[in-house]
């Protein structure tokens, strides 16, 4: 498959749509379950803020794993699970020759997309808290904590699946050739 070919773009777009919906559905379900469980109802706002920060660190670790897996997918197949990551990669590849610039562009496209997808979560969680008395700001924070932990798990699992896919597609490396003397047991003398 050619790196810039139409098929790689179509596959990347399809993977982006599927991954986005799956991630958002899973993260929202985990966030909702966190609120419904009531486990954090006794935690005060400063504690919830600390847990939210910790959930972002956890999400960042999952995202980091997925960005690395996406890089391997891009370099091995020319496709991506994030269309903006692929676009940034292709632009950088055409404009620069440095692999570091290509990798940075791909990562920036990926992470930028994920950060932009945070906006609806905040608008939804705190908008709901502002519009109704049945949802508190504490519950909104708990939802975000759960959603971040769900997103972290999803990102990590997607990274593992992507890595397994890339490993299956990677051509087998030929075995290292040993010197003849070592094969026959003879020395140089």
N, C-alpha and C. Protein backbone atom coordinates (compact mmCIF):
# COMPACT_ATOMS: atom_id res chain seq x y z
N UNK A 1 0.85 -1.17 0.00
CA UNK A 1 0.00 0.00 0.00
C UNK A 1 0.90 1.23 0.00
N UNK A 2 0.70 2.11 -0.92
CA UNK A 2 1.49 3.33 -0.99
C UNK A 2 1.15 4.24 0.18
N UNK A 3 2.16 4.90 0.70
CA UNK A 3 1.95 5.73 1.88
C UNK A 3 0.93 6.82 1.64
N UNK A 4 0.94 7.45 0.50
CA UNK A 4 0.02 8.54 0.23
C UNK A 4 -1.18 8.13 -0.59
N UNK A 5 -1.31 6.82 -0.89
CA UNK A 5 -2.38 6.34 -1.74
C UNK A 5 -3.76 6.57 -1.16
N UNK A 6 -4.72 6.62 -2.05
CA UNK A 6 -6.10 6.85 -1.65
C UNK A 6 -6.58 5.81 -0.64
N UNK A 7 -6.21 4.56 -0.84
CA UNK A 7 -6.65 3.51 0.07
C UNK A 7 -6.17 3.77 1.49
N UNK A 8 -4.94 4.24 1.66
CA UNK A 8 -4.44 4.51 3.01
C UNK A 8 -5.22 5.64 3.67
N UNK A 9 -5.69 6.60 2.87
CA UNK A 9 -6.51 7.69 3.41
C UNK A 9 -7.89 7.18 3.81
N UNK A 10 -8.48 6.33 2.96
CA UNK A 10 -9.81 5.78 3.25
C UNK A 10 -9.75 4.90 4.51
N UNK A 11 -8.73 4.06 4.59
CA UNK A 11 -8.57 3.20 5.77
C UNK A 11 -8.36 4.05 7.02
N UNK A 12 -7.53 5.07 6.92
CA UNK A 12 -7.26 5.96 8.06
C UNK A 12 -8.52 6.69 8.50
N UNK A 13 -9.32 7.15 7.54
CA UNK A 13 -10.57 7.84 7.88
C UNK A 13 -11.53 6.88 8.58
N UNK A 14 -11.66 5.69 8.04
CA UNK A 14 -12.54 4.69 8.66
C UNK A 14 -12.07 4.32 10.06
N UNK A 15 -10.77 4.15 10.22
CA UNK A 15 -10.22 3.82 11.55
C UNK A 15 -10.43 4.97 12.52
N UNK A 16 -10.32 6.20 12.03
CA UNK A 16 -10.53 7.37 12.88
C UNK A 16 -11.97 7.43 13.37
N UNK A 17 -12.91 7.25 12.46
CA UNK A 17 -14.33 7.30 12.82
C UNK A 17 -14.65 6.19 13.82
N UNK A 18 -14.23 4.98 13.51
CA UNK A 18 -14.52 3.84 14.39
C UNK A 18 -13.88 4.04 15.76
N UNK A 19 -12.65 4.46 15.76
CA UNK A 19 -11.93 4.65 17.03
C UNK A 19 -12.52 5.78 17.85
N UNK A 20 -12.90 6.85 17.19
CA UNK A 20 -13.48 7.99 17.90
C UNK A 20 -14.78 7.60 18.58
N UNK A 21 -15.65 6.94 17.85
CA UNK A 21 -16.93 6.53 18.43
C UNK A 21 -16.73 5.52 19.55
N UNK A 22 -15.85 4.55 19.32
CA UNK A 22 -15.61 3.53 20.35
C UNK A 22 -15.00 4.15 21.60
N UNK A 23 -14.03 5.03 21.43
CA UNK A 23 -13.40 5.70 22.57
C UNK A 23 -14.42 6.53 23.34
N UNK A 24 -15.17 7.34 22.64
CA UNK A 24 -16.13 8.21 23.32
C UNK A 24 -17.22 7.40 24.02
N UNK A 25 -17.71 6.37 23.39
CA UNK A 25 -18.74 5.54 24.02
C UNK A 25 -18.19 4.85 25.27
N UNK A 26 -17.00 4.30 25.16
CA UNK A 26 -16.40 3.61 26.30
C UNK A 26 -16.09 4.58 27.44
N UNK A 27 -15.47 5.71 27.11
CA UNK A 27 -15.11 6.69 28.14
C UNK A 27 -16.37 7.23 28.82
N UNK A 28 -17.40 7.53 28.05
CA UNK A 28 -18.65 8.04 28.63
C UNK A 28 -19.30 6.99 29.52
N UNK A 29 -19.25 5.74 29.10
CA UNK A 29 -19.83 4.66 29.91
C UNK A 29 -19.07 4.51 31.23
N UNK A 30 -17.75 4.59 31.18
CA UNK A 30 -16.97 4.48 32.42
C UNK A 30 -17.22 5.69 33.31
N UNK A 31 -17.32 6.87 32.71
CA UNK A 31 -17.62 8.08 33.48
C UNK A 31 -18.98 7.99 34.15
N UNK A 32 -19.96 7.52 33.42
CA UNK A 32 -21.30 7.36 33.96
C UNK A 32 -21.31 6.32 35.08
N UNK A 33 -20.59 5.22 34.88
CA UNK A 33 -20.50 4.18 35.91
C UNK A 33 -19.82 4.72 37.17
N UNK A 34 -18.83 5.58 36.99
CA UNK A 34 -18.14 6.17 38.15
C UNK A 34 -19.11 7.00 38.97
N UNK A 35 -19.95 7.77 38.30
CA UNK A 35 -20.94 8.58 39.02
C UNK A 35 -21.98 7.67 39.67
N UNK A 36 -22.49 6.71 38.92
CA UNK A 36 -23.54 5.83 39.43
C UNK A 36 -23.06 4.97 40.60
N UNK A 37 -21.78 4.63 40.63
CA UNK A 37 -21.27 3.79 41.71
C UNK A 37 -21.31 4.48 43.06
N UNK A 38 -21.21 5.80 43.06
CA UNK A 38 -21.23 6.55 44.31
C UNK A 38 -19.96 6.42 45.14
N UNK A 39 -18.94 5.79 44.60
CA UNK A 39 -17.70 5.56 45.36
C UNK A 39 -17.00 6.85 45.80
N UNK A 40 -17.15 7.90 45.02
CA UNK A 40 -16.43 9.13 45.33
C UNK A 40 -17.33 10.22 45.90
N UNK A 41 -18.52 9.86 46.35
CA UNK A 41 -19.45 10.89 46.83
C UNK A 41 -18.97 11.60 48.09
N UNK A 42 -18.16 10.95 48.89
CA UNK A 42 -17.68 11.56 50.13
C UNK A 42 -16.39 12.35 49.95
N UNK A 43 -15.83 12.36 48.74
CA UNK A 43 -14.58 13.07 48.49
C UNK A 43 -14.89 14.54 48.23
N UNK A 44 -14.19 15.42 48.94
CA UNK A 44 -14.40 16.87 48.80
C UNK A 44 -13.80 17.36 47.48
N UNK A 45 -14.17 18.59 47.11
CA UNK A 45 -13.73 19.16 45.83
C UNK A 45 -12.21 19.14 45.64
N UNK A 46 -11.39 19.50 46.65
CA UNK A 46 -9.93 19.44 46.43
C UNK A 46 -9.44 18.02 46.13
N UNK A 47 -10.04 17.04 46.80
CA UNK A 47 -9.68 15.65 46.53
C UNK A 47 -10.08 15.22 45.13
N UNK A 48 -11.27 15.66 44.71
CA UNK A 48 -11.72 15.34 43.35
C UNK A 48 -10.83 16.00 42.31
N UNK A 49 -10.39 17.22 42.59
CA UNK A 49 -9.49 17.91 41.66
C UNK A 49 -8.17 17.15 41.55
N UNK A 50 -7.67 16.66 42.68
CA UNK A 50 -6.43 15.88 42.66
C UNK A 50 -6.63 14.57 41.88
N UNK A 51 -7.76 13.92 42.10
CA UNK A 51 -8.06 12.69 41.36
C UNK A 51 -8.22 12.97 39.86
N UNK A 52 -8.80 14.11 39.53
CA UNK A 52 -8.93 14.49 38.11
C UNK A 52 -7.55 14.66 37.49
N UNK A 53 -6.66 15.33 38.20
CA UNK A 53 -5.29 15.50 37.71
C UNK A 53 -4.62 14.14 37.52
N UNK A 54 -4.77 13.26 38.49
CA UNK A 54 -4.20 11.92 38.39
C UNK A 54 -4.80 11.15 37.21
N UNK A 55 -6.10 11.34 36.98
CA UNK A 55 -6.74 10.65 35.85
C UNK A 55 -6.18 11.16 34.52
N UNK A 56 -5.82 12.44 34.47
CA UNK A 56 -5.21 12.98 33.25
C UNK A 56 -3.81 12.42 33.04
N UNK A 57 -3.07 12.23 34.12
CA UNK A 57 -1.75 11.61 34.01
C UNK A 57 -1.90 10.19 33.46
N UNK A 58 -2.86 9.46 33.99
CA UNK A 58 -3.11 8.09 33.54
C UNK A 58 -3.53 8.09 32.07
N UNK A 59 -4.40 9.00 31.71
CA UNK A 59 -4.83 9.11 30.31
C UNK A 59 -3.63 9.45 29.43
N UNK A 60 -2.77 10.32 29.90
CA UNK A 60 -1.58 10.68 29.13
C UNK A 60 -0.67 9.49 28.88
N UNK A 61 -0.56 8.60 29.85
CA UNK A 61 0.26 7.40 29.66
C UNK A 61 -0.35 6.48 28.61
N UNK A 62 -1.67 6.32 28.66
CA UNK A 62 -2.34 5.51 27.63
C UNK A 62 -2.21 6.15 26.26
N UNK A 63 -2.35 7.45 26.22
CA UNK A 63 -2.22 8.19 24.96
C UNK A 63 -0.81 8.07 24.41
N UNK A 64 0.17 8.15 25.29
CA UNK A 64 1.58 8.01 24.86
C UNK A 64 1.81 6.65 24.20
N UNK A 65 1.28 5.60 24.81
CA UNK A 65 1.42 4.26 24.22
C UNK A 65 0.76 4.21 22.85
N UNK A 66 -0.39 4.84 22.72
CA UNK A 66 -1.09 4.80 21.44
C UNK A 66 -0.41 5.66 20.38
N UNK A 67 0.17 6.77 20.78
CA UNK A 67 0.91 7.61 19.82
C UNK A 67 2.10 6.82 19.27
N UNK A 68 2.77 6.08 20.12
CA UNK A 68 3.90 5.25 19.66
C UNK A 68 3.42 4.16 18.70
N UNK A 69 2.32 3.51 19.05
CA UNK A 69 1.79 2.46 18.18
C UNK A 69 1.33 3.05 16.85
N UNK A 70 0.73 4.23 16.89
CA UNK A 70 0.29 4.90 15.67
C UNK A 70 1.49 5.23 14.78
N UNK A 71 2.60 5.63 15.39
CA UNK A 71 3.81 5.92 14.62
C UNK A 71 4.28 4.67 13.87
N UNK A 72 4.28 3.54 14.55
CA UNK A 72 4.68 2.30 13.88
C UNK A 72 3.72 1.96 12.74
N UNK A 73 2.43 2.15 12.99
CA UNK A 73 1.43 1.89 11.96
C UNK A 73 1.65 2.79 10.74
N UNK A 74 1.91 4.07 10.99
CA UNK A 74 2.17 5.01 9.89
C UNK A 74 3.39 4.60 9.08
N UNK A 75 4.46 4.28 9.76
CA UNK A 75 5.70 3.98 9.04
C UNK A 75 5.67 2.62 8.36
N UNK A 76 4.90 1.69 8.89
CA UNK A 76 4.84 0.35 8.28
C UNK A 76 3.78 0.24 7.19
N UNK A 77 2.66 0.96 7.34
CA UNK A 77 1.55 0.76 6.40
C UNK A 77 1.10 2.04 5.71
N UNK A 78 1.50 3.20 6.24
CA UNK A 78 1.02 4.46 5.68
C UNK A 78 -0.37 4.83 6.14
N UNK A 79 -0.94 4.03 7.05
CA UNK A 79 -2.27 4.32 7.59
C UNK A 79 -2.15 4.73 9.05
N UNK A 80 -3.25 5.23 9.59
CA UNK A 80 -3.26 5.70 10.96
C UNK A 80 -4.64 5.49 11.55
N UNK A 81 -4.71 5.47 12.88
CA UNK A 81 -6.00 5.42 13.55
C UNK A 81 -6.50 6.83 13.83
N UNK A 82 -5.79 7.83 13.29
CA UNK A 82 -6.16 9.23 13.49
C UNK A 82 -5.84 9.99 12.21
N UNK A 83 -6.85 10.43 11.51
CA UNK A 83 -6.67 11.07 10.20
C UNK A 83 -5.84 12.35 10.27
N UNK A 84 -5.97 13.12 11.36
CA UNK A 84 -5.16 14.33 11.47
C UNK A 84 -3.69 14.00 11.71
N UNK A 85 -3.44 12.92 12.39
CA UNK A 85 -2.07 12.47 12.58
C UNK A 85 -1.47 12.08 11.23
N UNK A 86 -2.24 11.37 10.42
CA UNK A 86 -1.75 10.98 9.09
C UNK A 86 -1.52 12.20 8.23
N UNK A 87 -2.43 13.16 8.27
CA UNK A 87 -2.28 14.37 7.46
C UNK A 87 -1.03 15.15 7.86
N UNK A 88 -0.83 15.31 9.17
CA UNK A 88 0.35 16.03 9.64
C UNK A 88 1.63 15.29 9.25
N UNK A 89 1.61 13.98 9.36
CA UNK A 89 2.74 13.15 8.97
C UNK A 89 3.06 13.31 7.49
N UNK A 90 2.03 13.23 6.65
CA UNK A 90 2.24 13.34 5.20
C UNK A 90 2.76 14.72 4.81
N UNK A 91 2.26 15.77 5.44
CA UNK A 91 2.74 17.12 5.15
C UNK A 91 4.20 17.24 5.55
N UNK A 92 4.53 16.77 6.74
CA UNK A 92 5.92 16.83 7.21
C UNK A 92 6.83 15.99 6.32
N UNK A 93 6.35 14.84 5.89
CA UNK A 93 7.16 13.96 5.04
C UNK A 93 7.47 14.62 3.69
N UNK A 94 6.54 15.42 3.19
CA UNK A 94 6.76 16.09 1.91
C UNK A 94 7.65 17.33 2.05
N UNK A 95 7.64 17.93 3.22
CA UNK A 95 8.38 19.19 3.40
C UNK A 95 9.74 19.04 4.06
N UNK A 96 9.94 17.97 4.81
CA UNK A 96 11.22 17.77 5.50
C UNK A 96 11.72 16.35 5.28
N UNK A 97 13.00 16.18 5.49
CA UNK A 97 13.57 14.84 5.34
C UNK A 97 13.85 14.20 6.69
N UNK A 98 13.71 14.93 7.77
CA UNK A 98 14.04 14.40 9.09
C UNK A 98 12.93 13.56 9.68
N UNK A 99 13.28 12.37 10.12
CA UNK A 99 12.32 11.46 10.72
C UNK A 99 11.74 12.06 12.01
N UNK A 100 12.56 12.80 12.74
CA UNK A 100 12.07 13.43 13.97
C UNK A 100 10.92 14.39 13.68
N UNK A 101 11.04 15.16 12.61
CA UNK A 101 9.96 16.09 12.24
C UNK A 101 8.70 15.33 11.85
N UNK A 102 8.86 14.22 11.16
CA UNK A 102 7.70 13.40 10.76
C UNK A 102 7.01 12.84 12.00
N UNK A 103 7.81 12.34 12.93
CA UNK A 103 7.27 11.75 14.16
C UNK A 103 6.57 12.82 15.01
N UNK A 104 7.19 13.99 15.12
CA UNK A 104 6.61 15.08 15.90
C UNK A 104 5.29 15.53 15.29
N UNK A 105 5.25 15.63 13.97
CA UNK A 105 4.02 16.05 13.29
C UNK A 105 2.91 15.03 13.53
N UNK A 106 3.23 13.75 13.39
CA UNK A 106 2.23 12.71 13.60
C UNK A 106 1.70 12.74 15.04
N UNK A 107 2.60 12.88 15.99
CA UNK A 107 2.21 12.92 17.40
C UNK A 107 1.38 14.16 17.71
N UNK A 108 1.77 15.29 17.14
CA UNK A 108 1.03 16.54 17.37
C UNK A 108 -0.39 16.44 16.81
N UNK A 109 -0.53 15.88 15.63
CA UNK A 109 -1.87 15.69 15.06
C UNK A 109 -2.72 14.78 15.92
N UNK A 110 -2.12 13.73 16.44
CA UNK A 110 -2.86 12.76 17.26
C UNK A 110 -3.28 13.39 18.58
N UNK A 111 -2.31 13.95 19.30
CA UNK A 111 -2.59 14.52 20.62
C UNK A 111 -3.51 15.73 20.49
N UNK A 112 -3.31 16.54 19.47
CA UNK A 112 -4.18 17.70 19.26
C UNK A 112 -5.63 17.30 19.08
N UNK A 113 -5.86 16.23 18.34
CA UNK A 113 -7.21 15.72 18.15
C UNK A 113 -7.81 15.29 19.48
N UNK A 114 -7.03 14.55 20.24
CA UNK A 114 -7.53 14.04 21.52
C UNK A 114 -7.83 15.17 22.50
N UNK A 115 -6.99 16.19 22.51
CA UNK A 115 -7.25 17.34 23.40
C UNK A 115 -8.50 18.10 22.97
N UNK A 116 -8.69 18.25 21.67
CA UNK A 116 -9.90 18.93 21.18
C UNK A 116 -11.15 18.17 21.55
N UNK A 117 -11.06 16.84 21.62
CA UNK A 117 -12.22 16.03 21.98
C UNK A 117 -12.57 16.13 23.46
N UNK A 118 -11.73 16.79 24.25
CA UNK A 118 -12.03 17.00 25.67
C UNK A 118 -13.11 18.07 25.86
N UNK A 119 -13.17 19.01 24.94
CA UNK A 119 -14.10 20.14 25.08
C UNK A 119 -15.55 19.67 25.28
N UNK A 120 -16.07 18.76 24.46
CA UNK A 120 -17.46 18.33 24.66
C UNK A 120 -17.69 17.67 26.02
N UNK A 121 -16.68 16.99 26.55
CA UNK A 121 -16.83 16.36 27.86
C UNK A 121 -17.05 17.43 28.94
N UNK A 122 -16.24 18.47 28.90
CA UNK A 122 -16.38 19.54 29.89
C UNK A 122 -17.69 20.31 29.70
N UNK A 123 -18.01 20.61 28.45
CA UNK A 123 -19.27 21.31 28.19
C UNK A 123 -20.46 20.47 28.65
N UNK A 124 -20.42 19.19 28.35
CA UNK A 124 -21.52 18.31 28.73
C UNK A 124 -21.62 18.13 30.24
N UNK A 125 -20.48 17.86 30.88
CA UNK A 125 -20.51 17.59 32.32
C UNK A 125 -20.90 18.83 33.12
N UNK A 126 -20.23 19.94 32.86
CA UNK A 126 -20.52 21.14 33.64
C UNK A 126 -21.76 21.87 33.13
N UNK A 127 -22.08 21.71 31.85
CA UNK A 127 -23.33 22.26 31.34
C UNK A 127 -24.52 21.59 31.99
N UNK A 128 -24.44 20.26 32.12
CA UNK A 128 -25.52 19.53 32.79
C UNK A 128 -25.63 19.94 34.25
N UNK A 129 -24.49 20.14 34.90
CA UNK A 129 -24.51 20.56 36.31
C UNK A 129 -25.10 21.97 36.46
N UNK A 130 -24.84 22.82 35.47
CA UNK A 130 -25.35 24.19 35.54
C UNK A 130 -26.84 24.26 35.21
N UNK A 131 -27.31 23.36 34.36
CA UNK A 131 -28.69 23.42 33.90
C UNK A 131 -29.69 22.67 34.76
N UNK A 132 -29.19 21.81 35.62
CA UNK A 132 -30.12 21.02 36.43
C UNK A 132 -29.60 20.91 37.86
N UNK A 133 -30.51 20.80 38.78
CA UNK A 133 -30.13 20.64 40.18
C UNK A 133 -29.82 19.18 40.53
N UNK A 134 -30.17 18.27 39.64
CA UNK A 134 -29.97 16.85 39.93
C UNK A 134 -28.53 16.40 39.69
N UNK A 135 -27.71 17.22 39.03
CA UNK A 135 -26.30 16.91 38.79
C UNK A 135 -25.46 17.99 39.45
N UNK A 136 -24.55 17.55 40.31
CA UNK A 136 -23.69 18.51 41.02
C UNK A 136 -22.36 18.66 40.29
N UNK A 137 -21.62 19.70 40.67
CA UNK A 137 -20.30 19.88 40.08
C UNK A 137 -19.37 18.74 40.52
N UNK A 138 -19.60 18.22 41.72
CA UNK A 138 -18.82 17.06 42.17
C UNK A 138 -19.07 15.85 41.29
N UNK A 139 -20.32 15.63 40.93
CA UNK A 139 -20.63 14.52 40.03
C UNK A 139 -20.03 14.75 38.64
N UNK A 140 -20.00 16.00 38.21
CA UNK A 140 -19.36 16.31 36.93
C UNK A 140 -17.88 15.96 36.98
N UNK A 141 -17.22 16.28 38.10
CA UNK A 141 -15.80 15.92 38.25
C UNK A 141 -15.61 14.41 38.27
N UNK A 142 -16.49 13.72 38.98
CA UNK A 142 -16.40 12.25 39.03
C UNK A 142 -16.59 11.67 37.63
N UNK A 143 -17.54 12.21 36.88
CA UNK A 143 -17.74 11.76 35.50
C UNK A 143 -16.45 11.94 34.69
N UNK A 144 -15.82 13.11 34.80
CA UNK A 144 -14.59 13.36 34.05
C UNK A 144 -13.46 12.43 34.48
N UNK A 145 -13.37 12.17 35.78
CA UNK A 145 -12.35 11.23 36.28
C UNK A 145 -12.57 9.86 35.65
N UNK A 146 -13.79 9.38 35.72
CA UNK A 146 -14.11 8.08 35.13
C UNK A 146 -13.89 8.04 33.64
N UNK A 147 -14.31 9.11 32.96
CA UNK A 147 -14.13 9.16 31.51
C UNK A 147 -12.65 9.14 31.15
N UNK A 148 -11.83 9.86 31.91
CA UNK A 148 -10.38 9.85 31.64
C UNK A 148 -9.78 8.47 31.86
N UNK A 149 -10.21 7.81 32.92
CA UNK A 149 -9.69 6.45 33.18
C UNK A 149 -10.15 5.48 32.09
N UNK A 150 -11.39 5.64 31.64
CA UNK A 150 -11.87 4.82 30.53
C UNK A 150 -11.10 5.10 29.26
N UNK A 151 -10.83 6.37 28.99
CA UNK A 151 -10.05 6.74 27.81
C UNK A 151 -8.63 6.20 27.90
N UNK A 152 -8.05 6.23 29.10
CA UNK A 152 -6.70 5.70 29.29
C UNK A 152 -6.66 4.21 28.95
N UNK A 153 -7.64 3.48 29.47
CA UNK A 153 -7.70 2.04 29.20
C UNK A 153 -7.92 1.79 27.71
N UNK A 154 -8.82 2.54 27.10
CA UNK A 154 -9.08 2.38 25.67
C UNK A 154 -7.81 2.65 24.85
N UNK A 155 -7.13 3.75 25.15
CA UNK A 155 -5.90 4.11 24.41
C UNK A 155 -4.85 3.01 24.55
N UNK A 156 -4.71 2.49 25.75
CA UNK A 156 -3.73 1.43 25.98
C UNK A 156 -4.09 0.16 25.20
N UNK A 157 -5.37 -0.22 25.24
CA UNK A 157 -5.80 -1.42 24.52
C UNK A 157 -5.68 -1.24 23.00
N UNK A 158 -5.99 -0.04 22.51
CA UNK A 158 -5.83 0.23 21.08
C UNK A 158 -4.35 0.17 20.70
N UNK A 159 -3.49 0.67 21.57
CA UNK A 159 -2.04 0.60 21.31
C UNK A 159 -1.59 -0.85 21.22
N UNK A 160 -2.08 -1.68 22.12
CA UNK A 160 -1.71 -3.11 22.10
C UNK A 160 -2.22 -3.78 20.82
N UNK A 161 -3.46 -3.49 20.44
CA UNK A 161 -4.02 -4.09 19.23
C UNK A 161 -3.27 -3.61 17.98
N UNK A 162 -2.96 -2.32 17.93
CA UNK A 162 -2.22 -1.77 16.79
C UNK A 162 -0.83 -2.39 16.72
N UNK A 163 -0.18 -2.49 17.87
CA UNK A 163 1.15 -3.11 17.91
C UNK A 163 1.12 -4.55 17.44
N UNK A 164 0.12 -5.31 17.84
CA UNK A 164 -0.01 -6.70 17.40
C UNK A 164 -0.24 -6.77 15.90
N UNK A 165 -1.06 -5.86 15.38
CA UNK A 165 -1.32 -5.81 13.94
C UNK A 165 -0.03 -5.51 13.17
N UNK A 166 0.73 -4.55 13.63
CA UNK A 166 1.98 -4.18 12.96
C UNK A 166 2.98 -5.32 13.02
N UNK A 167 3.08 -5.99 14.17
CA UNK A 167 4.02 -7.11 14.29
C UNK A 167 3.67 -8.24 13.34
N UNK A 168 2.38 -8.49 13.13
CA UNK A 168 1.96 -9.55 12.19
C UNK A 168 2.31 -9.19 10.76
N UNK A 169 2.30 -7.90 10.44
CA UNK A 169 2.57 -7.45 9.07
C UNK A 169 4.06 -7.28 8.80
N UNK A 170 4.86 -7.12 9.85
CA UNK A 170 6.29 -6.89 9.69
C UNK A 170 6.93 -8.13 9.08
N UNK A 171 7.71 -7.94 8.01
CA UNK A 171 8.36 -9.11 7.42
C UNK A 171 9.37 -9.71 8.39
N UNK A 172 9.45 -11.03 8.36
CA UNK A 172 10.40 -11.72 9.23
C UNK A 172 11.83 -11.35 8.84
N UNK A 173 12.66 -11.12 9.85
CA UNK A 173 14.05 -10.80 9.58
C UNK A 173 14.82 -12.09 9.39
N UNK A 174 15.73 -12.13 8.40
CA UNK A 174 16.50 -13.35 8.20
C UNK A 174 17.40 -13.58 9.41
N UNK A 175 17.68 -14.86 9.73
CA UNK A 175 18.55 -15.13 10.87
C UNK A 175 19.95 -14.58 10.62
N UNK A 176 20.61 -14.20 11.69
CA UNK A 176 21.97 -13.66 11.56
C UNK A 176 22.89 -14.76 11.06
N UNK A 177 23.77 -14.40 10.19
CA UNK A 177 24.72 -15.36 9.59
C UNK A 177 25.92 -15.48 10.51
N UNK A 178 26.24 -16.70 10.90
CA UNK A 178 27.41 -16.93 11.75
C UNK A 178 28.61 -17.25 10.86
N UNK A 179 29.79 -16.93 11.33
CA UNK A 179 30.99 -17.25 10.54
C UNK A 179 31.12 -18.76 10.36
N UNK A 180 31.73 -19.18 9.25
CA UNK A 180 31.90 -20.59 8.91
C UNK A 180 32.69 -21.31 9.98
N UNK A 181 33.73 -20.68 10.51
CA UNK A 181 34.56 -21.32 11.52
C UNK A 181 33.74 -21.69 12.76
N UNK A 182 32.79 -20.85 13.13
CA UNK A 182 31.96 -21.11 14.30
C UNK A 182 30.99 -22.24 14.02
N UNK A 183 30.54 -22.38 12.77
CA UNK A 183 29.60 -23.43 12.42
C UNK A 183 30.26 -24.81 12.46
N UNK A 184 31.55 -24.88 12.00
CA UNK A 184 32.20 -26.18 11.93
C UNK A 184 32.95 -26.51 13.20
N UNK A 185 33.07 -25.56 14.12
CA UNK A 185 33.78 -25.82 15.35
C UNK A 185 35.27 -25.63 15.22
N UNK A 186 35.74 -25.23 14.03
CA UNK A 186 37.19 -25.00 13.83
C UNK A 186 37.55 -23.59 14.21
N UNK A 187 38.74 -23.41 14.65
CA UNK A 187 39.28 -22.09 14.96
C UNK A 187 39.93 -21.52 13.74
N UNK A 188 40.60 -20.34 13.90
CA UNK A 188 41.27 -19.69 12.79
C UNK A 188 42.63 -20.32 12.50
N UNK A 189 43.16 -21.16 13.33
CA UNK A 189 44.53 -21.60 13.20
C UNK A 189 44.66 -22.87 12.59
